Amino acid sequence: MAALAVVAAAGVTGFLVFGGDKDDEAGPAKPSASKSKSKKPSPKPSDDGNARGEGGEDKPTIPGWQVVVNPKWGTAFDVPPDWEVKTPDTLIGFDDRKDEGAKSIIIMSAPAVLKEKWCTSDDDKDGEPDDTSLAAVGTKGQNGAKNTEDVARNDSAWWVYGGYTEQTKADKKKIKIGKIEDYTTKSGVKGSLVTSTTSGAATSAKCDSEGKATTFGFKNESGEYVAWTLYGAKGVKEEVPDATVKKILGTVRWTEAASED
């Protein structure tokens, strides 16, 4: 993957690098619309963990929450009502600072964002304030992956690197990659789970903070590797609690993928 290769050349080591799906790995860091390829539908009978409404519409499995659907990868999950659910063709992620935004470190699609304008600053003094969100969650493809363990480990590390280490020029040793755990969602989707964090990466800049990213690597119904990641600020008053992260993660399920045109 071009963007990750550039970062790796800069000396980021300690976790493997392999490409995700091309449509999830190109584009600006700020949310923007982008057409994406879609997969042929492979519907499966729904159960309590794969709630379907009339007409096949996905419904949240937790009362009062919102459902987030990524038709490209055939996945869905729920988020609390205070999260903003973006459109399925929205991309969000982090640019490579060295290339002035021409390339991206890592990106995911169909996200939900918590407090998109959690902090606003103009650190580069260009007269255009930049907004920093508190947290975000979404999914991305990992074509070329060998197993769910690598997906979870690599993506969690890249998210904290892109959002909380590379941006502040902090040493890569500030990243701590957690242990790989086996995990099964409430709907029965099995995979691997890793949480990576930073420590000592934040500067004194107004919107800087330590970061954490939890990635669940699994296969969708078509047998493709997918990474679900929730990343956000760590060590701040409004940090997303681990219990909430796990509650959202528990709702990850298969849903019907969009058919190709």
Protein backbone atom coordinates (compact mmCIF):
# COMPACT_ATOMS: atom_id res chain seq x y z
CA MET A 1 0.00 0.00 0.00
CA ALA A 2 1.59 3.27 -1.13
CA ALA A 3 0.68 5.41 1.88
CA LEU A 4 1.81 2.88 4.44
CA ALA A 5 4.98 2.15 2.48
CA VAL A 6 5.98 5.80 2.76
CA VAL A 7 5.44 5.74 6.50
CA ALA A 8 7.35 2.50 6.89
CA ALA A 9 10.28 4.01 5.00
CA ALA A 10 10.35 6.77 7.59
CA GLY A 11 11.22 4.24 10.26
CA VAL A 12 7.96 2.96 11.67
CA THR A 13 8.64 -0.63 12.62
CA GLY A 14 7.36 -3.12 15.16
CA PHE A 15 4.20 -4.08 13.33
CA LEU A 16 3.62 -5.57 9.92
CA VAL A 17 2.41 -3.67 6.89
CA PHE A 18 0.05 -4.94 4.23
CA GLY A 19 -2.52 -3.19 2.15
CA GLY A 20 -6.19 -2.73 2.80
CA ASP A 21 -8.74 -2.37 0.06
CA LYS A 22 -7.71 0.37 -2.36
CA ASP A 23 -10.96 2.29 -1.97
CA ASP A 24 -10.41 2.50 1.79
CA GLU A 25 -6.81 3.63 1.45
CA ALA A 26 -7.01 6.69 -0.77
CA GLY A 27 -8.43 10.11 -0.12
CA PRO A 28 -8.28 12.99 2.36
CA ALA A 29 -8.18 12.58 6.10
CA LYS A 30 -11.24 14.74 6.63
CA PRO A 31 -14.59 13.07 5.83
CA SER A 32 -15.40 13.28 2.14
CA ALA A 33 -17.69 11.51 -0.28
CA SER A 34 -16.17 8.89 -2.54
CA LYS A 35 -17.67 6.26 -4.77
CA SER A 36 -16.85 2.75 -3.72
CA LYS A 37 -17.09 -0.65 -5.26
CA SER A 38 -19.68 -2.97 -3.80
CA LYS A 39 -20.05 -6.65 -3.28
CA LYS A 40 -22.71 -9.05 -4.48
CA PRO A 41 -25.34 -9.72 -1.85
CA SER A 42 -25.17 -12.94 0.09
CA PRO A 43 -28.09 -12.68 2.50
CA LYS A 44 -28.31 -14.82 5.57
CA PRO A 45 -31.32 -15.48 7.81
CA SER A 46 -31.38 -12.87 10.54
CA ASP A 47 -31.49 -13.53 14.26
CA ASP A 48 -31.43 -11.44 17.42
CA GLY A 49 -27.89 -10.31 16.62
CA ASN A 50 -28.66 -9.36 13.02
CA ALA A 51 -31.82 -7.28 13.33
CA ARG A 52 -33.61 -6.60 10.08
CA GLY A 53 -36.68 -4.42 9.69
CA GLU A 54 -39.31 -4.43 7.00
CA GLY A 55 -37.87 -4.32 3.49
CA GLY A 56 -34.53 -5.59 4.72
CA GLU A 57 -33.63 -2.36 6.49
CA ASP A 58 -31.04 -2.77 9.25
CA LYS A 59 -32.24 -1.86 12.72
CA PRO A 60 -30.16 -1.23 15.87
CA THR A 61 -29.93 -4.16 18.26
CA ILE A 62 -29.70 -1.83 21.28
CA PRO A 63 -32.88 0.21 21.92
CA GLY A 64 -32.33 3.93 21.44
CA TRP A 65 -29.03 3.50 19.60
CA GLN A 66 -28.30 4.10 15.91
CA VAL A 67 -27.23 1.53 13.35
CA VAL A 68 -24.11 2.12 11.21
CA VAL A 69 -24.06 0.12 7.98
CA ASN A 70 -21.16 -0.37 5.58
CA PRO A 71 -22.76 -1.95 2.49
CA LYS A 72 -19.40 -2.22 0.77
CA TRP A 73 -18.15 -4.73 3.33
CA GLY A 74 -21.50 -6.15 4.42
CA THR A 75 -21.16 -5.10 8.05
CA ALA A 76 -23.22 -3.22 10.63
CA PHE A 77 -22.89 -2.12 14.25
CA ASP A 78 -24.67 0.21 16.66
CA VAL A 79 -23.55 3.47 18.32
CA PRO A 80 -25.12 5.59 21.08
CA PRO A 81 -27.50 8.43 20.07
CA ASP A 82 -24.91 11.20 20.59
CA TRP A 83 -22.66 9.87 17.82
CA GLU A 84 -23.06 11.33 14.31
CA VAL A 85 -23.53 8.60 11.70
CA LYS A 86 -21.96 9.55 8.36
CA THR A 87 -23.04 8.29 4.95
CA PRO A 88 -21.71 4.91 3.74
CA ASP A 89 -19.52 6.59 1.11
CA THR A 90 -17.78 8.87 3.63
CA LEU A 91 -14.07 8.30 4.20
CA ILE A 92 -12.27 9.37 7.36
CA GLY A 93 -8.67 8.91 8.46
CA PHE A 94 -5.26 10.55 8.71
CA ASP A 95 -2.98 12.10 6.11
CA ASP A 96 0.76 11.60 5.90
CA ARG A 97 2.18 14.87 7.20
CA LYS A 98 5.34 14.58 5.10
CA ASP A 99 3.37 14.56 1.84
CA GLU A 100 1.22 17.54 2.80
CA GLY A 101 -1.96 15.50 2.61
CA ALA A 102 -1.24 13.98 -0.80
CA LYS A 103 -1.25 10.49 0.68
CA SER A 104 -3.04 8.93 3.61
CA ILE A 105 -1.71 6.74 6.38
CA ILE A 106 -4.94 4.89 7.05
CA ILE A 107 -8.61 5.42 6.20
CA MET A 108 -11.93 3.73 6.87
CA SER A 109 -15.39 4.15 5.42
CA ALA A 110 -18.99 4.52 6.64
CA PRO A 111 -17.92 5.96 10.01
CA ALA A 112 -19.68 7.41 13.02
CA VAL A 113 -18.05 10.33 14.81
CA LEU A 114 -18.34 11.51 18.42
CA LYS A 115 -18.07 15.29 18.94
CA GLU A 116 -16.60 16.18 15.55
CA LYS A 117 -15.60 19.63 16.83
CA TRP A 118 -14.41 18.47 20.22
CA CYS A 119 -11.39 20.79 19.94
CA THR A 120 -10.53 23.53 17.41
CA SER A 121 -7.10 25.10 16.89
CA ASP A 122 -4.86 26.72 14.29
CA ASP A 123 -1.50 25.29 15.23
CA ASP A 124 0.03 25.87 11.79
CA LYS A 125 -1.05 29.54 11.88
CA ASP A 126 -2.50 29.42 8.37
CA GLY A 127 -5.65 31.24 9.37
CA GLU A 128 -7.83 28.16 8.90
CA PRO A 129 -8.80 26.51 12.21
CA ASP A 130 -8.73 22.72 12.27
CA ASP A 131 -11.31 20.64 14.12
CA THR A 132 -10.34 17.56 16.14
CA SER A 133 -12.98 14.96 16.94
CA LEU A 134 -13.12 13.10 20.23
CA ALA A 135 -13.53 9.66 18.70
CA ALA A 136 -14.62 7.82 15.55
CA VAL A 137 -15.51 4.28 14.56
CA GLY A 138 -15.89 2.48 11.24
CA THR A 139 -14.77 -0.44 9.09
CA LYS A 140 -12.31 -1.02 6.28
CA GLY A 141 -11.30 -3.88 4.05
CA GLN A 142 -8.02 -5.74 4.48
CA ASN A 143 -7.50 -7.56 1.21
CA GLY A 144 -4.17 -9.37 1.35
CA ALA A 145 -4.35 -10.12 5.05
CA LYS A 146 -3.27 -13.57 6.20
CA ASN A 147 -5.28 -13.83 9.41
CA THR A 148 -7.48 -11.86 11.78
CA GLU A 149 -4.67 -11.52 14.33
CA ASP A 150 -2.54 -9.49 11.93
CA VAL A 151 -5.52 -7.35 10.93
CA ALA A 152 -6.29 -6.42 14.55
CA ARG A 153 -2.68 -5.84 15.55
CA ASN A 154 -1.64 -3.84 12.51
CA ASP A 155 -4.68 -1.62 12.16
CA SER A 156 -4.87 -0.66 15.83
CA ALA A 157 -1.21 0.37 15.69
CA TRP A 158 -1.59 2.35 12.46
CA TRP A 159 -4.59 4.27 13.80
CA VAL A 160 -2.79 5.52 16.91
CA TYR A 161 0.32 6.19 14.84
CA GLY A 162 -1.58 8.24 12.27
CA GLY A 163 -3.72 10.15 14.73
CA TYR A 164 -1.58 10.59 17.81
CA THR A 165 2.07 9.93 17.02
CA GLU A 166 2.94 10.87 13.44
CA GLN A 167 1.06 14.15 13.68
CA THR A 168 3.16 15.26 16.67
CA LYS A 169 6.43 13.77 15.36
CA ALA A 170 6.61 11.58 18.44
CA ASP A 171 8.90 8.55 18.68
CA LYS A 172 7.29 5.32 17.47
CA LYS A 173 8.30 3.80 20.80
CA LYS A 174 5.49 5.82 22.36
CA ILE A 175 3.06 3.27 20.89
CA LYS A 176 2.11 0.24 22.95
CA ILE A 177 0.42 -2.58 21.05
CA GLY A 178 -1.83 -4.67 23.27
CA LYS A 179 -2.18 -8.42 23.42
CA ILE A 180 -4.19 -10.25 20.81
CA GLU A 181 -7.46 -11.65 22.17
CA ASP A 182 -10.03 -13.96 20.63
CA TYR A 183 -13.40 -12.26 20.49
CA THR A 184 -16.93 -13.17 19.44
CA THR A 185 -19.68 -10.57 18.98
CA LYS A 186 -23.23 -11.10 20.19
CA SER A 187 -24.30 -12.14 16.69
CA GLY A 188 -21.60 -14.82 16.60
CA VAL A 189 -18.98 -13.08 14.44
CA LYS A 190 -15.59 -14.43 15.51
CA GLY A 191 -12.24 -12.72 15.17
CA SER A 192 -9.28 -11.12 16.91
CA LEU A 193 -9.16 -8.03 19.12
CA VAL A 194 -6.28 -5.67 19.92
CA THR A 195 -6.12 -2.26 21.62
CA SER A 196 -3.09 -0.03 20.98
CA THR A 197 -2.33 3.16 22.89
CA THR A 198 0.20 5.97 23.07
CA SER A 199 2.04 7.22 26.12
CA GLY A 200 4.12 10.39 26.06
CA ALA A 201 3.22 11.26 22.47
CA ALA A 202 1.07 14.32 23.21
CA THR A 203 2.60 17.80 23.07
CA SER A 204 1.44 20.99 24.77
CA ALA A 205 -0.58 22.00 21.70
CA LYS A 206 -4.21 22.82 22.47
CA CYS A 207 -5.82 19.80 20.81
CA ASP A 208 -3.09 17.21 21.36
CA SER A 209 -3.82 14.17 23.50
CA GLU A 210 -2.73 10.60 23.92
CA GLY A 211 -4.66 8.17 21.79
CA LYS A 212 -6.05 4.67 21.76
CA ALA A 213 -7.49 2.44 19.06
CA THR A 214 -9.36 -0.84 19.40
CA THR A 215 -9.49 -3.02 16.29
CA PHE A 216 -11.55 -6.14 15.72
CA GLY A 217 -10.30 -8.18 12.79
CA PHE A 218 -12.74 -10.67 11.27
CA LYS A 219 -14.09 -12.10 8.03
CA ASN A 220 -17.34 -10.95 6.50
CA GLU A 221 -19.91 -13.32 5.07
CA SER A 222 -18.07 -13.37 1.74
CA GLY A 223 -14.87 -14.50 3.44
CA GLU A 224 -13.09 -11.15 3.08
CA TYR A 225 -10.97 -9.75 5.89
CA VAL A 226 -12.44 -6.66 7.53
CA ALA A 227 -11.16 -4.37 10.28
CA TRP A 228 -13.57 -2.60 12.65
CA THR A 229 -11.80 0.16 14.58
CA LEU A 230 -12.82 2.64 17.24
CA TYR A 231 -10.14 5.24 17.94
CA GLY A 232 -10.18 8.32 20.15
CA ALA A 233 -8.46 10.60 22.63
CA LYS A 234 -7.06 8.88 25.72
CA GLY A 235 -6.62 10.31 29.19
CA VAL A 236 -9.09 13.18 28.72
CA LYS A 237 -12.21 13.87 30.76
CA GLU A 238 -14.53 12.82 27.92
CA GLU A 239 -12.61 9.71 26.87
CA VAL A 240 -14.88 6.96 25.57
CA PRO A 241 -14.96 4.37 28.39
CA ASP A 242 -13.71 0.87 27.64
CA ALA A 243 -17.12 -0.45 28.66
CA THR A 244 -18.75 1.65 25.93
CA VAL A 245 -16.17 0.53 23.37
CA LYS A 246 -16.95 -3.10 24.19
CA LYS A 247 -20.70 -2.47 24.10
CA ILE A 248 -20.44 -0.98 20.60
CA LEU A 249 -18.08 -3.76 19.50
CA GLY A 250 -20.49 -6.39 20.73
CA THR A 251 -23.06 -5.26 18.15
CA VAL A 252 -20.79 -5.87 15.12
CA ARG A 253 -22.61 -8.16 12.73
CA TRP A 254 -22.95 -9.20 9.11
CA THR A 255 -25.47 -7.43 6.94
CA GLU A 256 -26.37 -7.59 3.29
CA ALA A 257 -23.69 -6.21 0.99
CA ALA A 258 -24.67 -3.97 -1.91
CA SER A 259 -24.87 -5.54 -5.34
CA GLU A 260 -22.54 -4.51 -8.11
CA ASP A 261 -23.86 -2.22 -10.83
